[in-house]
N, C-alpha and C. Protein backbone atom coordinates (compact mmCIF):
# COMPACT_ATOMS: atom_id res chain seq x y z
N UNK A 1 141.67 100.63 109.16
CA UNK A 1 141.41 101.64 109.83
C UNK A 1 140.25 102.10 108.77
N UNK A 2 138.92 102.53 108.95
CA UNK A 2 138.44 102.75 107.77
C UNK A 2 138.37 104.22 107.37
N UNK A 3 138.13 104.45 106.18
CA UNK A 3 138.51 106.31 106.31
C UNK A 3 137.06 106.70 105.97
N UNK A 4 137.13 107.84 106.23
CA UNK A 4 135.74 108.84 106.25
C UNK A 4 134.93 108.64 105.21
N UNK A 5 135.59 108.73 104.08
CA UNK A 5 135.08 108.64 102.48
C UNK A 5 134.63 107.25 102.15
N UNK A 6 135.18 106.40 103.16
CA UNK A 6 135.08 104.76 102.70
C UNK A 6 133.38 104.29 103.02
N UNK A 7 132.62 104.13 101.92
CA UNK A 7 131.23 103.47 102.60
C UNK A 7 131.19 102.54 103.73
N UNK A 8 130.59 102.50 104.31
CA UNK A 8 130.17 100.83 105.22
C UNK A 8 129.64 100.32 105.11
N UNK A 9 129.55 99.07 105.38
CA UNK A 9 128.96 98.10 105.09
C UNK A 9 127.59 98.33 105.82
N UNK A 10 126.22 97.88 105.66
CA UNK A 10 125.24 98.08 106.40
C UNK A 10 125.34 97.01 107.06
N UNK A 11 124.69 96.63 108.42
CA UNK A 11 124.86 95.29 108.98
C UNK A 11 123.97 94.15 107.98
N UNK A 12 124.06 93.22 108.52
CA UNK A 12 122.76 92.06 107.82
C UNK A 12 121.52 92.43 108.59
N UNK A 13 120.68 92.36 108.10
CA UNK A 13 119.41 92.43 108.59
C UNK A 13 118.65 91.44 109.14
N UNK A 14 118.41 92.07 110.15
CA UNK A 14 117.54 91.14 111.33
C UNK A 14 116.62 90.05 110.61
N UNK A 15 116.07 88.95 111.06
CA UNK A 15 114.80 88.18 110.47
C UNK A 15 113.46 88.82 110.62
N UNK A 16 113.32 89.94 111.02
CA UNK A 16 112.30 90.74 110.80
C UNK A 16 112.18 91.45 109.94
N UNK A 17 113.51 92.04 109.53
CA UNK A 17 113.81 92.68 108.45
C UNK A 17 113.61 92.20 107.43
N UNK A 18 113.90 90.86 107.18
CA UNK A 18 113.93 90.16 105.72
C UNK A 18 112.72 89.66 105.83
N UNK A 19 111.76 89.56 106.79
CA UNK A 19 110.38 88.89 106.92
C UNK A 19 109.41 90.17 106.12
N UNK A 20 110.16 91.69 106.74
CA UNK A 20 109.22 92.28 105.95
C UNK A 20 109.49 92.99 104.66
N UNK A 21 110.72 92.86 104.00
CA UNK A 21 110.70 92.71 102.93
C UNK A 21 110.37 91.45 101.64
N UNK A 22 110.11 90.37 102.84
CA UNK A 22 109.77 89.04 101.98
C UNK A 22 108.08 89.96 101.53
N UNK A 23 107.76 89.77 102.34
CA UNK A 23 106.04 90.79 102.59
C UNK A 23 105.91 91.81 101.60
N UNK A 24 106.60 92.67 101.50
CA UNK A 24 106.71 93.19 100.69
C UNK A 24 106.86 93.06 98.96
N UNK A 25 107.53 92.36 99.14
CA UNK A 25 108.21 91.77 97.78
C UNK A 25 106.71 90.90 97.00
N UNK A 26 106.23 89.94 98.18
CA UNK A 26 105.07 88.95 97.71
C UNK A 26 104.05 89.97 97.55
N UNK A 27 103.55 91.54 98.32
CA UNK A 27 102.56 92.14 98.15
C UNK A 27 102.73 92.84 96.50
N UNK A 28 103.92 93.10 96.29
CA UNK A 28 104.12 94.21 95.10
C UNK A 28 103.86 92.90 93.76
N UNK A 29 104.31 91.56 94.12
CA UNK A 29 103.93 90.41 92.87
C UNK A 29 102.21 90.20 92.66
N UNK A 30 101.41 90.40 94.31
CA UNK A 30 100.32 90.09 94.03
C UNK A 30 99.18 90.97 93.43
N UNK A 31 99.65 92.52 93.59
CA UNK A 31 99.20 93.54 93.06
C UNK A 31 99.41 93.42 91.55
N UNK A 32 100.70 92.93 90.85
CA UNK A 32 100.92 92.86 89.56
C UNK A 32 100.29 92.10 89.03
N UNK A 33 99.77 90.66 89.31
CA UNK A 33 99.04 89.39 88.88
C UNK A 33 97.85 90.30 89.38
N UNK A 34 97.15 90.91 90.16
CA UNK A 34 95.77 91.45 90.18
C UNK A 34 95.75 92.03 88.91
N UNK A 35 96.76 92.73 88.82
CA UNK A 35 95.96 93.85 88.06
C UNK A 35 96.37 93.25 86.21
N UNK A 36 97.21 92.53 86.21
CA UNK A 36 96.96 91.70 84.69
C UNK A 36 95.98 90.60 84.63
N UNK A 37 95.06 90.24 85.66
CA UNK A 37 93.73 89.81 85.85
C UNK A 37 93.01 90.24 84.87
N UNK A 38 92.92 91.30 84.62
CA UNK A 38 91.60 92.04 84.10
C UNK A 38 92.10 92.80 83.14
N UNK A 39 93.65 93.01 82.87
CA UNK A 39 94.01 93.42 81.41
C UNK A 39 93.04 92.98 80.34
N UNK A 40 93.69 94.03 79.21
CA UNK A 40 92.35 94.09 77.85
C UNK A 40 93.57 93.04 77.20
N UNK A 41 95.03 93.23 77.25
CA UNK A 41 95.55 92.22 76.35
C UNK A 41 95.30 90.98 76.89
N UNK A 42 94.97 90.05 75.77
CA UNK A 42 94.92 88.77 76.38
C UNK A 42 96.36 87.96 76.59
N UNK A 43 97.56 88.46 76.04
CA UNK A 43 98.87 87.87 76.45
C UNK A 43 99.15 87.83 77.81
N UNK A 44 98.48 89.36 78.44
CA UNK A 44 99.12 89.41 79.61
C UNK A 44 98.05 89.30 80.53
N UNK A 45 97.18 88.12 80.27
CA UNK A 45 96.12 88.05 81.66
C UNK A 45 96.64 86.88 82.15
N UNK A 46 96.36 86.25 83.48
CA UNK A 46 96.90 85.79 84.38
C UNK A 46 95.76 84.54 84.79
N UNK A 47 96.44 83.28 84.55
CA UNK A 47 95.32 82.84 85.10
C UNK A 47 95.61 82.21 86.69
N UNK A 48 93.84 82.22 86.98
CA UNK A 48 93.43 82.41 88.23
C UNK A 48 94.28 81.25 89.03
N UNK A 49 94.81 80.45 88.80
CA UNK A 49 95.68 79.65 89.51
C UNK A 49 96.91 80.48 89.92
N UNK A 50 97.63 80.98 89.20
CA UNK A 50 98.49 81.68 89.45
C UNK A 50 98.23 83.22 90.25
N UNK A 51 97.29 83.64 90.64
CA UNK A 51 96.67 84.67 91.19
C UNK A 51 96.85 83.98 92.84
N UNK A 52 95.85 82.60 92.80
CA UNK A 52 96.06 81.94 94.01
C UNK A 52 97.73 81.81 94.81
N UNK A 53 98.08 81.18 93.93
CA UNK A 53 99.74 80.99 94.36
C UNK A 53 100.09 82.61 94.72
N UNK A 54 100.07 83.07 94.48
CA UNK A 54 100.86 84.65 94.77
C UNK A 54 99.99 84.78 96.09
N UNK A 55 98.61 84.99 96.11
CA UNK A 55 98.16 84.93 97.58
C UNK A 55 98.45 84.24 98.37
N UNK A 56 98.49 83.02 98.25
CA UNK A 56 99.13 81.74 98.99
C UNK A 56 100.48 82.33 100.06
N UNK A 57 101.44 82.38 99.04
CA UNK A 57 102.90 83.17 99.06
C UNK A 57 102.47 84.47 100.02
N UNK A 58 101.72 85.71 99.40
CA UNK A 58 101.82 86.92 100.63
C UNK A 58 101.30 86.33 102.35
N UNK A 59 100.14 85.74 102.10
CA UNK A 59 99.78 84.97 103.05
C UNK A 59 100.97 84.02 104.11
N UNK A 60 101.58 83.17 103.56
CA UNK A 60 102.78 82.57 103.68
C UNK A 60 103.61 83.53 105.03
N UNK A 61 104.44 84.71 104.08
CA UNK A 61 105.12 85.73 103.93
C UNK A 61 104.45 86.60 105.43
N UNK A 62 103.55 86.92 105.41
CA UNK A 62 102.73 87.51 106.75
C UNK A 62 102.92 86.86 107.97
N UNK A 63 102.59 85.62 107.86
CA UNK A 63 103.02 84.58 108.83
C UNK A 63 103.83 84.44 109.42
N UNK A 64 105.14 84.29 108.75
CA UNK A 64 106.77 84.54 109.01
C UNK A 64 107.11 85.88 109.44
N UNK A 65 106.19 86.85 109.05
CA UNK A 65 106.74 88.15 109.53
C UNK A 65 106.07 88.14 111.19
N UNK A 66 104.93 87.74 111.00
CA UNK A 66 104.13 87.66 112.55
C UNK A 66 104.83 86.61 113.38
N UNK A 67 105.69 85.65 112.92
CA UNK A 67 106.82 85.16 113.96
C UNK A 67 107.65 85.49 114.25
N UNK A 68 108.31 86.30 113.40
CA UNK A 68 109.25 86.94 113.46
C UNK A 68 109.51 88.05 114.59
N UNK A 69 108.51 88.59 114.46
CA UNK A 69 107.56 89.93 115.13
C UNK A 69 107.56 89.44 116.75
N UNK A 70 106.97 87.76 117.04
CA UNK A 70 106.40 88.15 118.02
C UNK A 70 108.09 88.36 119.53
N UNK A 71 107.64 88.87 120.30
CA UNK A 71 109.17 88.89 121.55
C UNK A 71 109.39 87.49 122.20
N UNK A 72 110.27 87.35 122.23
CA UNK A 72 111.19 86.51 122.59
C UNK A 72 110.98 85.89 124.43
């Protein structure tokens, strides 16, 4: 029997919740890469191919979220 002071473990995330988290993670990565693209420090700059890959990852994550959000 759990005690009132013991932390309860949260239920596992649903597929939709995992998809939302993935979209947020990909969006954050894409925003950071876009910001680095215009950086004044040459060491911080990101090649266009990396930006394209981050954008593609974001698009795929959004597609998975749409699939997970469809009513069954």
